[in-house]
N, C-alpha and C. Protein backbone atom coordinates (compact mmCIF):
# COMPACT_ATOMS: atom_id res chain seq x y z
N MET A 1 -81.18 -75.53 45.66
CA MET A 1 -79.92 -75.30 46.38
C MET A 1 -78.73 -75.48 45.45
N MET A 2 -78.75 -76.56 44.66
CA MET A 2 -77.67 -76.83 43.74
C MET A 2 -77.57 -75.77 42.67
N ALA A 3 -78.74 -75.31 42.17
CA ALA A 3 -78.75 -74.29 41.12
C ALA A 3 -78.14 -72.99 41.63
N SER A 4 -78.44 -72.62 42.87
CA SER A 4 -77.88 -71.39 43.44
C SER A 4 -76.37 -71.52 43.62
N LYS A 5 -75.90 -72.71 43.97
CA LYS A 5 -74.47 -72.93 44.13
C LYS A 5 -73.75 -72.79 42.80
N LYS A 6 -74.38 -73.29 41.75
CA LYS A 6 -73.80 -73.15 40.42
C LYS A 6 -73.63 -71.68 40.05
N TRP A 7 -74.64 -70.88 40.33
CA TRP A 7 -74.58 -69.48 39.97
C TRP A 7 -73.60 -68.71 40.83
N VAL A 8 -73.36 -69.18 42.04
CA VAL A 8 -72.33 -68.56 42.88
C VAL A 8 -70.98 -68.69 42.19
N TYR A 9 -70.67 -69.88 41.70
CA TYR A 9 -69.40 -70.09 41.00
C TYR A 9 -69.34 -69.29 39.70
N ARG A 10 -70.43 -69.27 38.96
CA ARG A 10 -70.46 -68.53 37.70
C ARG A 10 -70.22 -67.04 37.93
N ILE A 11 -70.89 -66.50 38.94
CA ILE A 11 -70.74 -65.08 39.24
C ILE A 11 -69.33 -64.78 39.74
N MET A 12 -68.79 -65.68 40.55
CA MET A 12 -67.41 -65.49 41.05
C MET A 12 -66.41 -65.46 39.90
N VAL A 13 -66.61 -66.33 38.92
CA VAL A 13 -65.70 -66.37 37.77
C VAL A 13 -65.82 -65.09 36.96
N ILE A 14 -67.04 -64.63 36.72
CA ILE A 14 -67.25 -63.40 35.96
C ILE A 14 -66.63 -62.20 36.69
N LEU A 15 -66.85 -62.12 37.99
CA LEU A 15 -66.28 -61.01 38.78
C LEU A 15 -64.76 -61.06 38.75
N PHE A 16 -64.21 -62.25 38.82
CA PHE A 16 -62.76 -62.37 38.78
C PHE A 16 -62.22 -61.93 37.42
N PHE A 17 -62.89 -62.35 36.35
CA PHE A 17 -62.50 -61.91 35.02
C PHE A 17 -62.48 -60.38 34.93
N CYS A 18 -63.54 -59.76 35.47
CA CYS A 18 -63.64 -58.30 35.43
C CYS A 18 -62.49 -57.66 36.22
N LEU A 19 -62.19 -58.22 37.37
CA LEU A 19 -61.11 -57.70 38.20
C LEU A 19 -59.78 -57.74 37.47
N VAL A 20 -59.50 -58.86 36.83
CA VAL A 20 -58.23 -58.99 36.11
C VAL A 20 -58.19 -58.08 34.89
N TYR A 21 -59.30 -58.02 34.17
CA TYR A 21 -59.33 -57.26 32.92
C TYR A 21 -59.29 -55.75 33.14
N PHE A 22 -59.98 -55.27 34.16
CA PHE A 22 -60.12 -53.83 34.33
C PHE A 22 -59.13 -53.21 35.32
N THR A 23 -58.21 -53.99 35.82
CA THR A 23 -57.18 -53.43 36.70
C THR A 23 -55.82 -53.57 36.03
N GLU A 24 -54.91 -52.72 36.43
CA GLU A 24 -53.56 -52.77 35.87
C GLU A 24 -52.77 -53.84 36.62
N ASN A 25 -52.42 -54.90 35.92
CA ASN A 25 -51.68 -55.99 36.54
C ASN A 25 -50.90 -56.77 35.49
N ARG A 26 -50.04 -57.65 35.95
CA ARG A 26 -49.20 -58.44 35.05
C ARG A 26 -49.71 -59.86 34.88
N TYR A 27 -50.93 -60.10 35.35
CA TYR A 27 -51.44 -61.46 35.36
C TYR A 27 -52.69 -61.62 34.50
N GLN A 28 -52.70 -61.01 33.32
CA GLN A 28 -53.84 -61.14 32.43
C GLN A 28 -54.07 -62.60 32.01
N PHE A 29 -53.02 -63.40 32.05
CA PHE A 29 -53.15 -64.82 31.69
C PHE A 29 -54.11 -65.57 32.61
N LEU A 30 -54.41 -64.98 33.77
CA LEU A 30 -55.32 -65.64 34.71
C LEU A 30 -56.73 -65.79 34.13
N ILE A 31 -57.10 -64.91 33.20
CA ILE A 31 -58.42 -65.03 32.57
C ILE A 31 -58.51 -66.35 31.81
N LEU A 32 -57.46 -66.68 31.06
CA LEU A 32 -57.43 -67.95 30.33
C LEU A 32 -57.36 -69.13 31.28
N ASN A 33 -56.47 -69.06 32.27
CA ASN A 33 -56.26 -70.20 33.16
C ASN A 33 -57.48 -70.50 34.02
N VAL A 34 -58.11 -69.44 34.55
CA VAL A 34 -59.33 -69.65 35.35
C VAL A 34 -60.46 -70.13 34.44
N GLY A 35 -60.52 -69.62 33.22
CA GLY A 35 -61.53 -70.08 32.28
C GLY A 35 -61.40 -71.56 31.97
N LEU A 36 -60.16 -72.01 31.78
CA LEU A 36 -59.93 -73.44 31.52
C LEU A 36 -60.24 -74.28 32.75
N ALA A 37 -59.99 -73.73 33.94
CA ALA A 37 -60.31 -74.45 35.17
C ALA A 37 -61.81 -74.52 35.41
N TYR A 38 -62.55 -73.57 34.84
CA TYR A 38 -64.00 -73.53 35.02
C TYR A 38 -64.71 -74.56 34.13
N ILE A 39 -64.14 -74.84 32.96
CA ILE A 39 -64.78 -75.76 32.01
C ILE A 39 -65.12 -77.12 32.62
N PRO A 40 -64.20 -77.79 33.34
CA PRO A 40 -64.56 -79.11 33.91
C PRO A 40 -65.70 -79.04 34.91
N LEU A 41 -65.88 -77.89 35.55
CA LEU A 41 -66.98 -77.75 36.51
C LEU A 41 -68.32 -77.82 35.78
N GLU A 42 -68.44 -77.09 34.68
CA GLU A 42 -69.68 -77.14 33.90
C GLU A 42 -69.90 -78.52 33.32
N ILE A 43 -68.82 -79.14 32.84
CA ILE A 43 -68.95 -80.49 32.28
C ILE A 43 -69.42 -81.48 33.35
N SER A 44 -68.90 -81.34 34.56
CA SER A 44 -69.29 -82.27 35.64
C SER A 44 -70.76 -82.12 35.99
N TRP A 45 -71.28 -80.90 35.93
CA TRP A 45 -72.70 -80.68 36.21
C TRP A 45 -73.57 -81.33 35.13
N LEU A 46 -73.13 -81.24 33.88
CA LEU A 46 -73.86 -81.89 32.80
C LEU A 46 -73.79 -83.41 32.95
N TYR A 47 -72.63 -83.91 33.32
CA TYR A 47 -72.45 -85.34 33.53
C TYR A 47 -73.36 -85.85 34.64
N ALA A 48 -73.48 -85.08 35.71
CA ALA A 48 -74.30 -85.49 36.85
C ALA A 48 -75.77 -85.63 36.47
N LYS A 49 -76.22 -84.85 35.50
CA LYS A 49 -77.62 -84.87 35.09
C LYS A 49 -77.88 -85.80 33.91
N SER A 50 -76.83 -86.25 33.25
CA SER A 50 -76.98 -87.06 32.04
C SER A 50 -77.61 -88.42 32.34
N LYS A 51 -78.55 -88.81 31.49
CA LYS A 51 -79.23 -90.10 31.64
C LYS A 51 -78.81 -91.09 30.56
N GLN A 52 -78.22 -90.58 29.47
CA GLN A 52 -77.83 -91.44 28.35
C GLN A 52 -76.40 -91.93 28.53
N LYS A 53 -76.18 -93.21 28.31
CA LYS A 53 -74.88 -93.82 28.55
C LYS A 53 -73.79 -93.23 27.66
N ILE A 54 -74.06 -93.12 26.36
CA ILE A 54 -73.05 -92.61 25.43
C ILE A 54 -72.70 -91.17 25.75
N LEU A 55 -73.70 -90.36 26.05
CA LEU A 55 -73.45 -88.96 26.41
C LEU A 55 -72.66 -88.87 27.71
N SER A 56 -73.00 -89.73 28.65
CA SER A 56 -72.28 -89.73 29.94
C SER A 56 -70.80 -90.07 29.74
N ILE A 57 -70.53 -91.04 28.88
CA ILE A 57 -69.14 -91.42 28.61
C ILE A 57 -68.39 -90.27 27.96
N ALA A 58 -69.05 -89.62 26.98
CA ALA A 58 -68.42 -88.49 26.28
C ALA A 58 -68.13 -87.34 27.25
N LEU A 59 -69.07 -87.07 28.14
CA LEU A 59 -68.89 -85.99 29.11
C LEU A 59 -67.78 -86.34 30.11
N PHE A 60 -67.73 -87.60 30.52
CA PHE A 60 -66.68 -88.02 31.45
C PHE A 60 -65.30 -87.88 30.83
N VAL A 61 -65.17 -88.28 29.58
CA VAL A 61 -63.89 -88.15 28.88
C VAL A 61 -63.52 -86.67 28.74
N GLY A 62 -64.51 -85.84 28.40
CA GLY A 62 -64.27 -84.41 28.29
C GLY A 62 -63.82 -83.81 29.61
N TRP A 63 -64.47 -84.24 30.68
CA TRP A 63 -64.08 -83.75 32.01
C TRP A 63 -62.67 -84.19 32.34
N LEU A 64 -62.35 -85.44 32.03
CA LEU A 64 -61.02 -85.99 32.33
C LEU A 64 -59.92 -85.21 31.60
N LEU A 65 -60.22 -84.76 30.39
CA LEU A 65 -59.24 -84.01 29.60
C LEU A 65 -59.03 -82.60 30.16
N PHE A 66 -60.09 -82.00 30.67
CA PHE A 66 -59.99 -80.61 31.14
C PHE A 66 -59.69 -80.49 32.63
N TYR A 67 -59.94 -81.54 33.41
CA TYR A 67 -59.74 -81.46 34.85
C TYR A 67 -58.33 -81.01 35.27
N PRO A 68 -57.25 -81.50 34.63
CA PRO A 68 -55.91 -81.07 35.06
C PRO A 68 -55.69 -79.56 34.98
N ASN A 69 -56.48 -78.86 34.16
CA ASN A 69 -56.33 -77.41 34.06
C ASN A 69 -56.60 -76.71 35.39
N ALA A 70 -57.45 -77.32 36.22
CA ALA A 70 -57.77 -76.72 37.52
C ALA A 70 -56.58 -76.82 38.47
N PHE A 71 -56.04 -78.01 38.60
CA PHE A 71 -54.93 -78.21 39.52
C PHE A 71 -53.63 -77.63 38.96
N TYR A 72 -53.56 -77.47 37.65
CA TYR A 72 -52.41 -76.84 36.99
C TYR A 72 -52.16 -75.45 37.56
N MET A 73 -53.23 -74.81 38.01
CA MET A 73 -53.11 -73.43 38.45
C MET A 73 -52.18 -73.27 39.66
N LEU A 74 -51.93 -74.33 40.40
CA LEU A 74 -50.98 -74.22 41.50
C LEU A 74 -49.59 -73.83 41.01
N THR A 75 -49.26 -74.22 39.78
CA THR A 75 -47.95 -73.87 39.24
C THR A 75 -47.88 -72.39 38.87
N ASP A 76 -49.00 -71.69 38.86
CA ASP A 76 -48.98 -70.26 38.55
C ASP A 76 -48.30 -69.44 39.65
N PHE A 77 -48.08 -70.05 40.81
CA PHE A 77 -47.34 -69.35 41.85
C PHE A 77 -45.92 -68.99 41.38
N PHE A 78 -45.46 -69.70 40.34
CA PHE A 78 -44.14 -69.37 39.78
C PHE A 78 -44.09 -67.93 39.28
N HIS A 79 -45.26 -67.40 38.90
CA HIS A 79 -45.31 -66.06 38.33
C HIS A 79 -45.14 -64.95 39.37
N LEU A 80 -45.05 -65.31 40.63
CA LEU A 80 -44.76 -64.29 41.64
C LEU A 80 -43.41 -63.62 41.38
N SER A 81 -42.54 -64.34 40.71
CA SER A 81 -41.21 -63.78 40.42
C SER A 81 -41.30 -62.54 39.55
N ALA A 82 -42.42 -62.35 38.86
CA ALA A 82 -42.59 -61.18 37.99
C ALA A 82 -42.71 -59.89 38.78
N VAL A 83 -43.16 -60.00 40.05
CA VAL A 83 -43.32 -58.79 40.87
C VAL A 83 -42.43 -58.82 42.10
N GLY A 84 -41.70 -59.90 42.28
CA GLY A 84 -40.82 -60.00 43.45
C GLY A 84 -41.36 -61.00 44.44
N MET A 85 -40.47 -61.74 45.07
CA MET A 85 -40.86 -62.80 45.99
C MET A 85 -41.07 -62.29 47.41
N THR A 86 -40.73 -61.03 47.68
CA THR A 86 -40.96 -60.46 49.01
C THR A 86 -42.17 -59.55 48.97
N ILE A 87 -43.04 -59.66 49.97
CA ILE A 87 -44.24 -58.82 50.01
C ILE A 87 -43.85 -57.48 50.65
N SER A 88 -43.45 -56.52 49.80
CA SER A 88 -42.81 -55.31 50.31
C SER A 88 -43.45 -54.01 49.86
N SER A 89 -44.52 -54.08 49.05
CA SER A 89 -45.15 -52.84 48.58
C SER A 89 -46.60 -53.11 48.22
N PRO A 90 -47.45 -52.06 48.15
CA PRO A 90 -48.86 -52.25 47.78
C PRO A 90 -49.03 -52.97 46.44
N ASP A 91 -48.14 -52.69 45.48
CA ASP A 91 -48.23 -53.35 44.18
C ASP A 91 -48.02 -54.85 44.32
N VAL A 92 -47.05 -55.24 45.14
CA VAL A 92 -46.80 -56.67 45.36
C VAL A 92 -47.95 -57.29 46.13
N TYR A 93 -48.50 -56.57 47.13
CA TYR A 93 -49.65 -57.09 47.87
C TYR A 93 -50.78 -57.45 46.91
N PHE A 94 -51.07 -56.50 46.02
CA PHE A 94 -52.19 -56.68 45.09
C PHE A 94 -51.95 -57.87 44.17
N HIS A 95 -50.76 -57.95 43.58
CA HIS A 95 -50.45 -59.04 42.66
C HIS A 95 -50.47 -60.40 43.37
N PHE A 96 -49.94 -60.42 44.59
CA PHE A 96 -49.96 -61.67 45.36
C PHE A 96 -51.40 -62.10 45.64
N SER A 97 -52.24 -61.15 46.04
CA SER A 97 -53.64 -61.46 46.36
C SER A 97 -54.41 -61.88 45.11
N LEU A 98 -54.16 -61.19 43.99
CA LEU A 98 -54.84 -61.51 42.74
C LEU A 98 -54.47 -62.91 42.27
N LEU A 99 -53.19 -63.21 42.31
CA LEU A 99 -52.72 -64.52 41.88
C LEU A 99 -53.25 -65.63 42.78
N THR A 100 -53.21 -65.41 44.09
CA THR A 100 -53.69 -66.41 45.05
C THR A 100 -55.18 -66.65 44.88
N ALA A 101 -55.95 -65.57 44.69
CA ALA A 101 -57.40 -65.71 44.50
C ALA A 101 -57.72 -66.53 43.26
N GLY A 102 -57.01 -66.26 42.17
CA GLY A 102 -57.25 -67.02 40.95
C GLY A 102 -56.90 -68.48 41.11
N ILE A 103 -55.78 -68.76 41.77
CA ILE A 103 -55.34 -70.14 41.96
C ILE A 103 -56.32 -70.89 42.85
N MET A 104 -56.73 -70.28 43.95
CA MET A 104 -57.66 -70.93 44.86
C MET A 104 -59.01 -71.18 44.20
N LEU A 105 -59.46 -70.20 43.42
CA LEU A 105 -60.73 -70.37 42.70
C LEU A 105 -60.64 -71.53 41.73
N GLY A 106 -59.53 -71.61 40.98
CA GLY A 106 -59.36 -72.70 40.03
C GLY A 106 -59.31 -74.06 40.70
N VAL A 107 -58.54 -74.17 41.77
CA VAL A 107 -58.40 -75.45 42.48
C VAL A 107 -59.73 -75.88 43.10
N PHE A 108 -60.44 -74.94 43.72
CA PHE A 108 -61.72 -75.29 44.34
C PHE A 108 -62.74 -75.72 43.29
N MET A 109 -62.75 -75.05 42.13
CA MET A 109 -63.68 -75.46 41.08
C MET A 109 -63.33 -76.86 40.59
N GLY A 110 -62.04 -77.17 40.54
CA GLY A 110 -61.63 -78.51 40.14
C GLY A 110 -62.14 -79.56 41.10
N PHE A 111 -61.99 -79.32 42.39
CA PHE A 111 -62.44 -80.29 43.39
C PHE A 111 -63.97 -80.36 43.47
N GLU A 112 -64.65 -79.24 43.20
CA GLU A 112 -66.11 -79.27 43.14
C GLU A 112 -66.56 -80.15 41.97
N SER A 113 -65.85 -80.03 40.84
CA SER A 113 -66.21 -80.86 39.69
C SER A 113 -65.93 -82.33 39.99
N LEU A 114 -64.84 -82.61 40.69
CA LEU A 114 -64.50 -83.98 41.07
C LEU A 114 -65.57 -84.56 42.00
N THR A 115 -66.08 -83.74 42.89
CA THR A 115 -67.15 -84.18 43.80
C THR A 115 -68.39 -84.58 43.02
N ALA A 116 -68.76 -83.77 42.01
CA ALA A 116 -69.93 -84.08 41.19
C ALA A 116 -69.73 -85.37 40.40
N ILE A 117 -68.51 -85.55 39.90
CA ILE A 117 -68.21 -86.76 39.12
C ILE A 117 -68.26 -88.01 40.01
N THR A 118 -67.60 -87.95 41.15
CA THR A 118 -67.53 -89.14 42.02
C THR A 118 -68.89 -89.46 42.63
N THR A 119 -69.72 -88.44 42.85
CA THR A 119 -71.06 -88.69 43.38
C THR A 119 -71.85 -89.57 42.42
N LYS A 120 -71.77 -89.25 41.13
CA LYS A 120 -72.50 -90.07 40.16
C LYS A 120 -71.83 -91.43 39.97
N LEU A 121 -70.50 -91.47 40.00
CA LEU A 121 -69.80 -92.75 39.87
C LEU A 121 -70.19 -93.71 41.00
N LYS A 122 -70.37 -93.16 42.19
CA LYS A 122 -70.80 -93.99 43.33
C LYS A 122 -72.20 -94.54 43.09
N GLN A 123 -73.04 -93.76 42.44
CA GLN A 123 -74.41 -94.17 42.20
C GLN A 123 -74.53 -95.18 41.06
N THR A 124 -73.57 -95.16 40.13
CA THR A 124 -73.70 -95.97 38.92
C THR A 124 -72.68 -97.11 38.78
N ILE A 125 -71.46 -96.89 39.21
CA ILE A 125 -70.39 -97.87 38.96
C ILE A 125 -69.69 -98.32 40.24
N ILE A 126 -69.16 -97.37 40.97
CA ILE A 126 -68.29 -97.68 42.12
C ILE A 126 -69.07 -98.16 43.33
N GLY A 127 -70.23 -97.57 43.57
CA GLY A 127 -70.98 -97.89 44.77
C GLY A 127 -70.25 -97.42 46.02
N ASN A 128 -70.26 -98.20 47.06
CA ASN A 128 -69.57 -97.85 48.30
C ASN A 128 -68.23 -98.56 48.46
N LYS A 129 -67.65 -98.98 47.35
CA LYS A 129 -66.38 -99.72 47.39
C LYS A 129 -65.23 -98.74 47.53
N ILE A 130 -64.68 -98.64 48.73
CA ILE A 130 -63.62 -97.69 49.04
C ILE A 130 -62.37 -97.94 48.22
N VAL A 131 -62.07 -99.21 47.96
CA VAL A 131 -60.87 -99.55 47.20
C VAL A 131 -60.95 -98.99 45.78
N LEU A 132 -62.11 -99.15 45.14
CA LEU A 132 -62.29 -98.64 43.78
C LEU A 132 -62.22 -97.11 43.76
N LEU A 133 -62.84 -96.47 44.73
CA LEU A 133 -62.83 -95.01 44.78
C LEU A 133 -61.41 -94.49 45.02
N SER A 134 -60.70 -95.14 45.94
CA SER A 134 -59.32 -94.75 46.22
C SER A 134 -58.44 -94.94 44.99
N GLY A 135 -58.65 -96.05 44.28
CA GLY A 135 -57.90 -96.30 43.06
C GLY A 135 -58.17 -95.25 42.01
N PHE A 136 -59.43 -94.82 41.91
CA PHE A 136 -59.79 -93.77 40.96
C PHE A 136 -59.06 -92.47 41.29
N TYR A 137 -59.02 -92.13 42.58
CA TYR A 137 -58.33 -90.90 43.00
C TYR A 137 -56.83 -90.97 42.68
N VAL A 138 -56.23 -92.12 42.90
CA VAL A 138 -54.80 -92.27 42.65
C VAL A 138 -54.49 -92.15 41.16
N VAL A 139 -55.26 -92.86 40.34
CA VAL A 139 -55.05 -92.81 38.89
C VAL A 139 -55.28 -91.40 38.37
N LEU A 140 -56.34 -90.76 38.84
CA LEU A 140 -56.64 -89.38 38.42
C LEU A 140 -55.50 -88.45 38.81
N SER A 141 -54.96 -88.64 40.01
CA SER A 141 -53.86 -87.79 40.48
C SER A 141 -52.62 -87.96 39.61
N ILE A 142 -52.32 -89.19 39.23
CA ILE A 142 -51.16 -89.45 38.38
C ILE A 142 -51.35 -88.82 37.00
N LEU A 143 -52.52 -89.05 36.40
CA LEU A 143 -52.80 -88.49 35.08
C LEU A 143 -52.78 -86.97 35.11
N SER A 144 -53.33 -86.38 36.17
CA SER A 144 -53.35 -84.93 36.29
C SER A 144 -51.94 -84.37 36.43
N ALA A 145 -51.14 -85.04 37.25
CA ALA A 145 -49.75 -84.59 37.44
C ALA A 145 -48.97 -84.65 36.14
N TYR A 146 -49.18 -85.70 35.36
CA TYR A 146 -48.49 -85.83 34.08
C TYR A 146 -48.96 -84.75 33.11
N ALA A 147 -50.27 -84.49 33.09
CA ALA A 147 -50.81 -83.45 32.22
C ALA A 147 -50.27 -82.07 32.61
N ILE A 148 -50.12 -81.84 33.91
CA ILE A 148 -49.57 -80.57 34.39
C ILE A 148 -48.12 -80.41 33.94
N TYR A 149 -47.38 -81.50 33.99
CA TYR A 149 -45.99 -81.46 33.52
C TYR A 149 -45.94 -81.08 32.04
N LEU A 150 -46.81 -81.68 31.25
CA LEU A 150 -46.85 -81.37 29.82
C LEU A 150 -47.23 -79.91 29.58
N GLY A 151 -48.17 -79.43 30.37
CA GLY A 151 -48.63 -78.05 30.19
C GLY A 151 -47.62 -77.02 30.65
N ARG A 152 -46.98 -77.26 31.78
CA ARG A 152 -46.06 -76.28 32.35
C ARG A 152 -44.72 -76.27 31.64
N PHE A 153 -44.17 -77.42 31.34
CA PHE A 153 -42.81 -77.48 30.80
C PHE A 153 -42.76 -77.61 29.28
N LEU A 154 -43.77 -78.26 28.69
CA LEU A 154 -43.78 -78.42 27.24
C LEU A 154 -44.82 -77.52 26.57
N ARG A 155 -45.58 -76.78 27.38
CA ARG A 155 -46.59 -75.83 26.90
C ARG A 155 -47.64 -76.51 26.02
N ILE A 156 -48.01 -77.72 26.38
CA ILE A 156 -49.05 -78.45 25.66
C ILE A 156 -50.38 -78.22 26.38
N HIS A 157 -51.36 -77.72 25.65
CA HIS A 157 -52.68 -77.46 26.22
C HIS A 157 -53.67 -78.53 25.77
N THR A 158 -54.76 -78.63 26.49
CA THR A 158 -55.78 -79.64 26.20
C THR A 158 -56.29 -79.53 24.77
N VAL A 159 -56.46 -78.31 24.28
CA VAL A 159 -57.02 -78.11 22.93
C VAL A 159 -56.12 -78.68 21.85
N TYR A 160 -54.83 -78.87 22.15
CA TYR A 160 -53.91 -79.42 21.16
C TYR A 160 -54.29 -80.86 20.79
N LEU A 161 -54.96 -81.56 21.69
CA LEU A 161 -55.40 -82.92 21.40
C LEU A 161 -56.44 -82.92 20.28
N ILE A 162 -57.10 -81.76 20.10
CA ILE A 162 -58.09 -81.63 19.04
C ILE A 162 -57.48 -81.08 17.77
N THR A 163 -56.63 -80.06 17.92
CA THR A 163 -56.06 -79.39 16.75
C THR A 163 -54.88 -80.15 16.13
N ASP A 164 -54.12 -80.89 16.94
CA ASP A 164 -52.96 -81.63 16.43
C ASP A 164 -52.74 -82.87 17.28
N PHE A 165 -53.64 -83.82 17.15
CA PHE A 165 -53.61 -85.01 18.01
C PHE A 165 -52.34 -85.82 17.80
N THR A 166 -51.97 -86.09 16.54
CA THR A 166 -50.80 -86.93 16.26
C THR A 166 -49.52 -86.30 16.77
N GLY A 167 -49.33 -85.02 16.46
CA GLY A 167 -48.13 -84.32 16.90
C GLY A 167 -48.04 -84.23 18.41
N THR A 168 -49.19 -83.99 19.03
CA THR A 168 -49.23 -83.89 20.49
C THR A 168 -48.87 -85.22 21.15
N MET A 169 -49.43 -86.30 20.64
CA MET A 169 -49.15 -87.61 21.21
C MET A 169 -47.69 -88.00 21.02
N ASN A 170 -47.10 -87.64 19.88
CA ASN A 170 -45.67 -87.92 19.67
C ASN A 170 -44.82 -87.18 20.69
N THR A 171 -45.20 -85.94 20.97
CA THR A 171 -44.47 -85.14 21.97
C THR A 171 -44.63 -85.75 23.36
N VAL A 172 -45.85 -86.18 23.65
CA VAL A 172 -46.13 -86.79 24.96
C VAL A 172 -45.26 -88.03 25.18
N LEU A 173 -45.16 -88.86 24.17
CA LEU A 173 -44.40 -90.11 24.30
C LEU A 173 -42.90 -89.86 24.43
N ASP A 174 -42.45 -88.69 23.98
CA ASP A 174 -41.01 -88.37 24.04
C ASP A 174 -40.60 -87.72 25.36
N THR A 175 -41.55 -87.57 26.30
CA THR A 175 -41.25 -86.81 27.52
C THR A 175 -40.89 -87.69 28.71
N ILE A 176 -40.89 -89.00 28.52
CA ILE A 176 -40.66 -89.89 29.65
C ILE A 176 -39.18 -89.89 30.02
N ASP A 177 -38.85 -89.24 31.14
CA ASP A 177 -37.48 -89.22 31.66
C ASP A 177 -37.53 -89.09 33.17
N LEU A 178 -36.38 -89.06 33.82
CA LEU A 178 -36.32 -89.04 35.28
C LEU A 178 -36.92 -87.76 35.85
N GLU A 179 -36.71 -86.63 35.19
CA GLU A 179 -37.27 -85.36 35.66
C GLU A 179 -38.79 -85.40 35.65
N MET A 180 -39.35 -85.98 34.59
CA MET A 180 -40.80 -86.10 34.49
C MET A 180 -41.34 -86.99 35.59
N VAL A 181 -40.69 -88.12 35.83
CA VAL A 181 -41.13 -89.07 36.86
C VAL A 181 -41.11 -88.40 38.24
N HIS A 182 -40.07 -87.62 38.52
CA HIS A 182 -39.96 -86.93 39.80
C HIS A 182 -41.08 -85.91 39.96
N PHE A 183 -41.33 -85.12 38.92
CA PHE A 183 -42.40 -84.11 38.98
C PHE A 183 -43.75 -84.77 39.19
N VAL A 184 -44.03 -85.82 38.41
CA VAL A 184 -45.32 -86.49 38.51
C VAL A 184 -45.50 -87.10 39.90
N GLY A 185 -44.45 -87.67 40.46
CA GLY A 185 -44.55 -88.24 41.79
C GLY A 185 -44.88 -87.20 42.85
N VAL A 186 -44.19 -86.06 42.80
CA VAL A 186 -44.41 -84.99 43.78
C VAL A 186 -45.81 -84.42 43.64
N PHE A 187 -46.24 -84.13 42.41
CA PHE A 187 -47.56 -83.51 42.21
C PHE A 187 -48.70 -84.50 42.42
N THR A 188 -48.45 -85.78 42.21
CA THR A 188 -49.47 -86.78 42.55
C THR A 188 -49.73 -86.77 44.05
N LEU A 189 -48.67 -86.76 44.83
CA LEU A 189 -48.80 -86.71 46.28
C LEU A 189 -49.46 -85.41 46.73
N LEU A 190 -49.06 -84.29 46.11
CA LEU A 190 -49.65 -82.99 46.47
C LEU A 190 -51.14 -82.98 46.19
N HIS A 191 -51.55 -83.52 45.04
CA HIS A 191 -52.96 -83.57 44.68
C HIS A 191 -53.75 -84.39 45.69
N LEU A 192 -53.22 -85.54 46.07
CA LEU A 192 -53.91 -86.42 47.01
C LEU A 192 -54.03 -85.78 48.39
N VAL A 193 -52.98 -85.09 48.83
CA VAL A 193 -53.01 -84.44 50.15
C VAL A 193 -54.04 -83.33 50.17
N ILE A 194 -54.03 -82.46 49.16
CA ILE A 194 -54.98 -81.35 49.13
C ILE A 194 -56.41 -81.87 48.97
N LEU A 195 -56.58 -82.92 48.17
CA LEU A 195 -57.91 -83.52 48.01
C LEU A 195 -58.41 -84.08 49.34
N PHE A 196 -57.53 -84.73 50.08
CA PHE A 196 -57.91 -85.28 51.39
C PHE A 196 -58.33 -84.16 52.34
N LEU A 197 -57.57 -83.08 52.37
CA LEU A 197 -57.90 -81.94 53.24
C LEU A 197 -59.22 -81.29 52.82
N TYR A 198 -59.44 -81.20 51.52
CA TYR A 198 -60.68 -80.62 51.00
C TYR A 198 -61.89 -81.45 51.42
N GLN A 199 -61.78 -82.76 51.31
CA GLN A 199 -62.89 -83.64 51.68
C GLN A 199 -63.13 -83.64 53.19
N MET A 200 -62.07 -83.55 53.97
CA MET A 200 -62.22 -83.47 55.42
C MET A 200 -62.93 -82.18 55.81
N ALA A 201 -62.59 -81.10 55.11
CA ALA A 201 -63.23 -79.81 55.40
C ALA A 201 -64.72 -79.86 55.06
N LYS A 202 -65.06 -80.50 53.93
CA LYS A 202 -66.46 -80.58 53.52
C LYS A 202 -67.28 -81.43 54.51
N LYS A 203 -66.66 -82.47 55.08
CA LYS A 203 -67.37 -83.33 56.02
C LYS A 203 -67.68 -82.59 57.33
N ASN A 204 -66.84 -81.61 57.65
CA ASN A 204 -67.04 -80.89 58.91
C ASN A 204 -67.92 -79.66 58.77
N VAL A 205 -68.38 -79.39 57.53
CA VAL A 205 -69.25 -78.22 57.33
C VAL A 205 -70.66 -78.55 57.79
């Protein structure tokens, strides 16, 4: 059952890539953004199966670095301005639908990866301690919101931590201001609300 679910996501991502690549649209960047949102999902599946402690830690850190890319996709709604904010023509319908599909796919893959991660954390570290799990969600939401701020406004991507770690960290440390705090606060709350709704929906399935 789990294997078939994995392939559903893989096929959906491939089909979405084909749709974006082979149609005339202004959102070719969705191939990169959805691809980055897909990476934490694969990492979470590897983490869930990992039996070695060192490998599990490495996979968890890798997932933590890439996870914000999934929720980052909500900011792609800003790109609606490229085709107009009013849904007034077939071209706008298509672009709105394409953008929304990519964003929803990215966000859902992010939450699916989070589910895989927390399932194993409950089995190995957290157990049934609601306080610890809630604390993990809050900290993750804050870190994700901060990473999204860096990506959207400073154009810092996850790979920069590998290609230019020192320069990236210096830039990160220079971004602490009131605007950043406001953005992180709003997106932390948004992440927690959507996560809560997602988990409620899964419980009722």
